[in-house]
Amino acid sequence: MGRSRYHFLENQPHFLTCTVVNWLALFSKPELVQIVLQSLNFLQSHQRIEIYGYVIMENHLHLIASAPNLSKEIATFKSFTARSTIDWLKANQSGYWLTQLKLNKQPHKTDQNYQLWQEGSHPQAILDWPMFQQKLEYLHNNPVRRGYVDDPAHWRYSSYRNYVGQPGVLSINWIEG
């Protein structure tokens, strides 16, 4: 397996995507979204990551974030949320989802029975204000493009509300243009 062509730049905001294996719609369960939100909140509250924008969809999430070692923090986030999600699925007898996570596990992952996240997060360094605005607009309009809501403010799991002065489910850091 080759090395990723994607690289993180230190202390630079990046646009990231984390996708559930086989695009399984696990985050249609609010309890599993809470695991993601609590993990991101923990990383923020311990000054390990700064989040400038986010959206959590049913099978993936997008972030605009930065950290001194963003690659490590995203790996930690994915590992923790995978373990917590699998534990929740086991505790709630979610056999269908566990079977799917087992069937979609990469063969080289011999040290585990399940895989939640696809490998990688495809980081794109955000180098200027227009690029930041474009990525933020892209992630905020994801639920609208998917036809789930008509207005991005109606999607609970997005930083759009933060940007229009409404309470969001996760705090964000502001970047001035």
Protein backbone atom coordinates (compact mmCIF):
# COMPACT_ATOMS: atom_id res chain seq x y z
CA MET A 1 0.00 0.00 0.00
CA GLY A 2 1.47 3.37 -1.03
CA ARG A 3 1.85 6.47 1.08
CA SER A 4 -0.87 9.09 0.88
CA ARG A 5 -0.36 11.98 -1.50
CA TYR A 6 -2.11 14.21 1.03
CA HIS A 7 -0.07 16.10 3.59
CA PHE A 8 -0.80 18.36 6.54
CA LEU A 9 0.86 21.75 6.97
CA GLU A 10 1.65 22.63 10.57
CA ASN A 11 -0.71 25.18 12.21
CA GLN A 12 -2.50 25.78 8.91
CA PRO A 13 -6.29 25.41 8.59
CA HIS A 14 -7.25 22.39 6.50
CA PHE A 15 -10.46 21.19 4.91
CA LEU A 16 -10.90 17.54 5.91
CA THR A 17 -13.37 14.78 5.13
CA CYS A 18 -13.88 11.72 7.31
CA THR A 19 -16.08 9.07 5.71
CA VAL A 20 -17.70 5.98 7.19
CA VAL A 21 -16.69 2.75 5.39
CA ASN A 22 -18.88 1.98 2.40
CA TRP A 23 -20.72 5.26 3.08
CA LEU A 24 -22.84 3.52 5.73
CA ALA A 25 -25.44 5.91 7.19
CA LEU A 26 -24.44 5.37 10.83
CA PHE A 27 -24.82 9.04 11.75
CA SER A 28 -28.52 8.84 11.10
CA LYS A 29 -28.50 7.75 14.77
CA PRO A 30 -28.29 10.87 16.98
CA GLU A 31 -26.51 8.86 19.69
CA LEU A 32 -23.62 8.19 17.32
CA VAL A 33 -23.45 11.82 16.24
CA GLN A 34 -23.12 12.69 19.94
CA ILE A 35 -19.99 10.53 20.12
CA VAL A 36 -18.46 12.59 17.29
CA LEU A 37 -19.51 15.90 18.83
CA GLN A 38 -18.23 14.97 22.30
CA SER A 39 -14.89 13.89 20.86
CA LEU A 40 -14.48 17.12 18.88
CA ASN A 41 -15.53 19.14 21.92
CA PHE A 42 -12.95 17.32 24.06
CA LEU A 43 -10.17 18.08 21.55
CA GLN A 44 -11.23 21.75 21.48
CA SER A 45 -11.55 22.15 25.24
CA HIS A 46 -8.05 20.72 25.72
CA GLN A 47 -6.63 23.11 23.06
CA ARG A 48 -5.61 20.20 20.85
CA ILE A 49 -7.59 21.37 17.81
CA GLU A 50 -9.25 24.53 16.53
CA ILE A 51 -12.42 24.09 14.50
CA TYR A 52 -13.51 26.85 12.11
CA GLY A 53 -16.35 25.01 10.41
CA TYR A 54 -18.02 21.61 10.34
CA VAL A 55 -20.93 19.59 9.06
CA ILE A 56 -21.87 16.07 10.09
CA MET A 57 -23.89 14.17 7.53
CA GLU A 58 -25.33 10.66 7.82
CA ASN A 59 -22.18 8.95 6.51
CA HIS A 60 -19.36 11.51 6.60
CA LEU A 61 -18.23 14.76 8.10
CA HIS A 62 -16.33 17.77 6.86
CA LEU A 63 -14.15 19.94 9.07
CA ILE A 64 -12.12 23.06 8.66
CA ALA A 65 -9.60 22.72 11.45
CA SER A 66 -6.03 23.37 12.51
CA ALA A 67 -3.64 22.08 15.17
CA PRO A 68 0.11 21.91 15.72
CA ASN A 69 -0.12 18.22 14.72
CA LEU A 70 -3.48 17.95 12.96
CA SER A 71 -2.67 14.57 11.45
CA LYS A 72 -2.15 13.07 14.92
CA GLU A 73 -5.28 14.71 16.35
CA ILE A 74 -7.47 13.47 13.49
CA ALA A 75 -6.03 9.97 13.88
CA THR A 76 -6.79 10.11 17.62
CA PHE A 77 -10.30 11.40 16.90
CA LYS A 78 -11.00 8.62 14.41
CA SER A 79 -9.62 5.93 16.70
CA PHE A 80 -11.59 7.11 19.73
CA THR A 81 -14.86 7.60 17.84
CA ALA A 82 -14.49 4.20 16.16
CA ARG A 83 -14.00 2.41 19.49
CA SER A 84 -16.84 4.33 21.13
CA THR A 85 -19.21 3.78 18.21
CA ILE A 86 -18.50 0.05 18.07
CA ASP A 87 -18.96 -0.20 21.85
CA TRP A 88 -22.31 1.60 21.53
CA LEU A 89 -23.41 -0.68 18.68
CA LYS A 90 -22.49 -3.77 20.73
CA ALA A 91 -24.28 -2.48 23.84
CA ASN A 92 -27.40 -1.74 21.78
CA GLN A 93 -27.44 -5.05 19.89
CA SER A 94 -26.99 -3.38 16.52
CA GLY A 95 -26.02 -6.58 14.74
CA TYR A 96 -26.74 -5.28 11.25
CA TRP A 97 -24.36 -2.33 11.62
CA LEU A 98 -21.66 -4.45 13.27
CA THR A 99 -21.88 -6.97 10.43
CA GLN A 100 -21.48 -4.15 7.91
CA LEU A 101 -18.46 -2.73 9.74
CA LYS A 102 -16.92 -6.22 9.81
CA LEU A 103 -17.62 -6.91 6.11
CA ASN A 104 -16.18 -3.54 5.07
CA LYS A 105 -12.99 -3.84 7.14
CA GLN A 106 -9.83 -3.64 5.03
CA PRO A 107 -8.09 -7.05 4.87
CA HIS A 108 -4.75 -5.63 6.10
CA LYS A 109 -6.37 -4.49 9.38
CA THR A 110 -5.69 -7.79 11.10
CA ASP A 111 -5.59 -6.34 14.63
CA GLN A 112 -9.27 -5.42 14.68
CA ASN A 113 -12.66 -6.97 13.92
CA TYR A 114 -14.41 -3.83 12.65
CA GLN A 115 -13.61 -0.68 10.73
CA LEU A 116 -15.68 2.48 11.08
CA TRP A 117 -13.74 5.07 9.09
CA GLN A 118 -12.31 4.89 5.61
CA GLU A 119 -8.57 5.43 5.65
CA GLY A 120 -7.33 8.99 5.23
CA SER A 121 -9.03 12.35 5.57
CA HIS A 122 -7.84 14.03 2.33
CA PRO A 123 -6.57 17.25 3.94
CA GLN A 124 -6.55 20.35 1.78
CA ALA A 125 -4.56 23.24 3.22
CA ILE A 126 -6.54 26.49 3.18
CA LEU A 127 -4.09 29.09 2.01
CA ASP A 128 -6.18 32.24 1.69
CA TRP A 129 -9.49 33.86 2.61
CA PRO A 130 -11.34 33.12 -0.67
CA MET A 131 -10.47 29.43 -0.34
CA PHE A 132 -11.66 29.45 3.30
CA GLN A 133 -14.97 31.01 2.27
CA GLN A 134 -15.42 28.52 -0.59
CA LYS A 135 -14.80 25.49 1.67
CA LEU A 136 -17.03 26.88 4.43
CA GLU A 137 -19.85 27.51 1.95
CA TYR A 138 -19.36 24.02 0.50
CA LEU A 139 -19.68 22.26 3.84
CA HIS A 140 -22.56 24.44 5.06
CA ASN A 141 -24.55 23.75 1.90
CA ASN A 142 -23.93 20.00 1.92
CA PRO A 143 -27.33 19.22 3.57
CA VAL A 144 -29.07 21.56 1.11
CA ARG A 145 -27.42 19.93 -1.91
CA ARG A 146 -28.45 16.52 -0.56
CA GLY A 147 -32.06 17.72 -0.34
CA TYR A 148 -32.35 17.25 3.43
CA VAL A 149 -33.11 20.91 4.21
CA ASP A 150 -33.93 24.05 2.24
CA ASP A 151 -31.91 26.34 4.50
CA PRO A 152 -28.49 25.42 5.97
CA ALA A 153 -29.62 26.92 9.32
CA HIS A 154 -32.09 24.03 9.61
CA TRP A 155 -29.31 21.41 9.76
CA ARG A 156 -28.53 20.82 13.44
CA TYR A 157 -25.04 19.37 12.95
CA SER A 158 -23.35 22.28 11.19
CA SER A 159 -21.41 25.40 12.09
CA TYR A 160 -23.69 27.47 9.86
CA ARG A 161 -25.76 28.42 12.89
CA ASN A 162 -22.64 29.73 14.65
CA TYR A 163 -21.92 31.98 11.67
CA VAL A 164 -25.41 33.50 11.62
CA GLY A 165 -25.51 34.21 15.35
CA GLN A 166 -27.57 31.20 16.43
CA PRO A 167 -26.43 28.63 19.02
CA GLY A 168 -24.60 25.70 17.48
CA VAL A 169 -24.08 22.21 18.88
CA LEU A 170 -20.30 22.76 18.82
CA SER A 171 -18.34 25.94 19.33
CA ILE A 172 -16.07 27.24 16.59
CA ASN A 173 -13.03 29.44 16.26
CA TRP A 174 -13.42 32.53 14.10
CA ILE A 175 -11.14 33.55 11.25
CA GLU A 176 -11.35 37.15 10.16
CA GLY A 177 -11.11 37.74 6.42
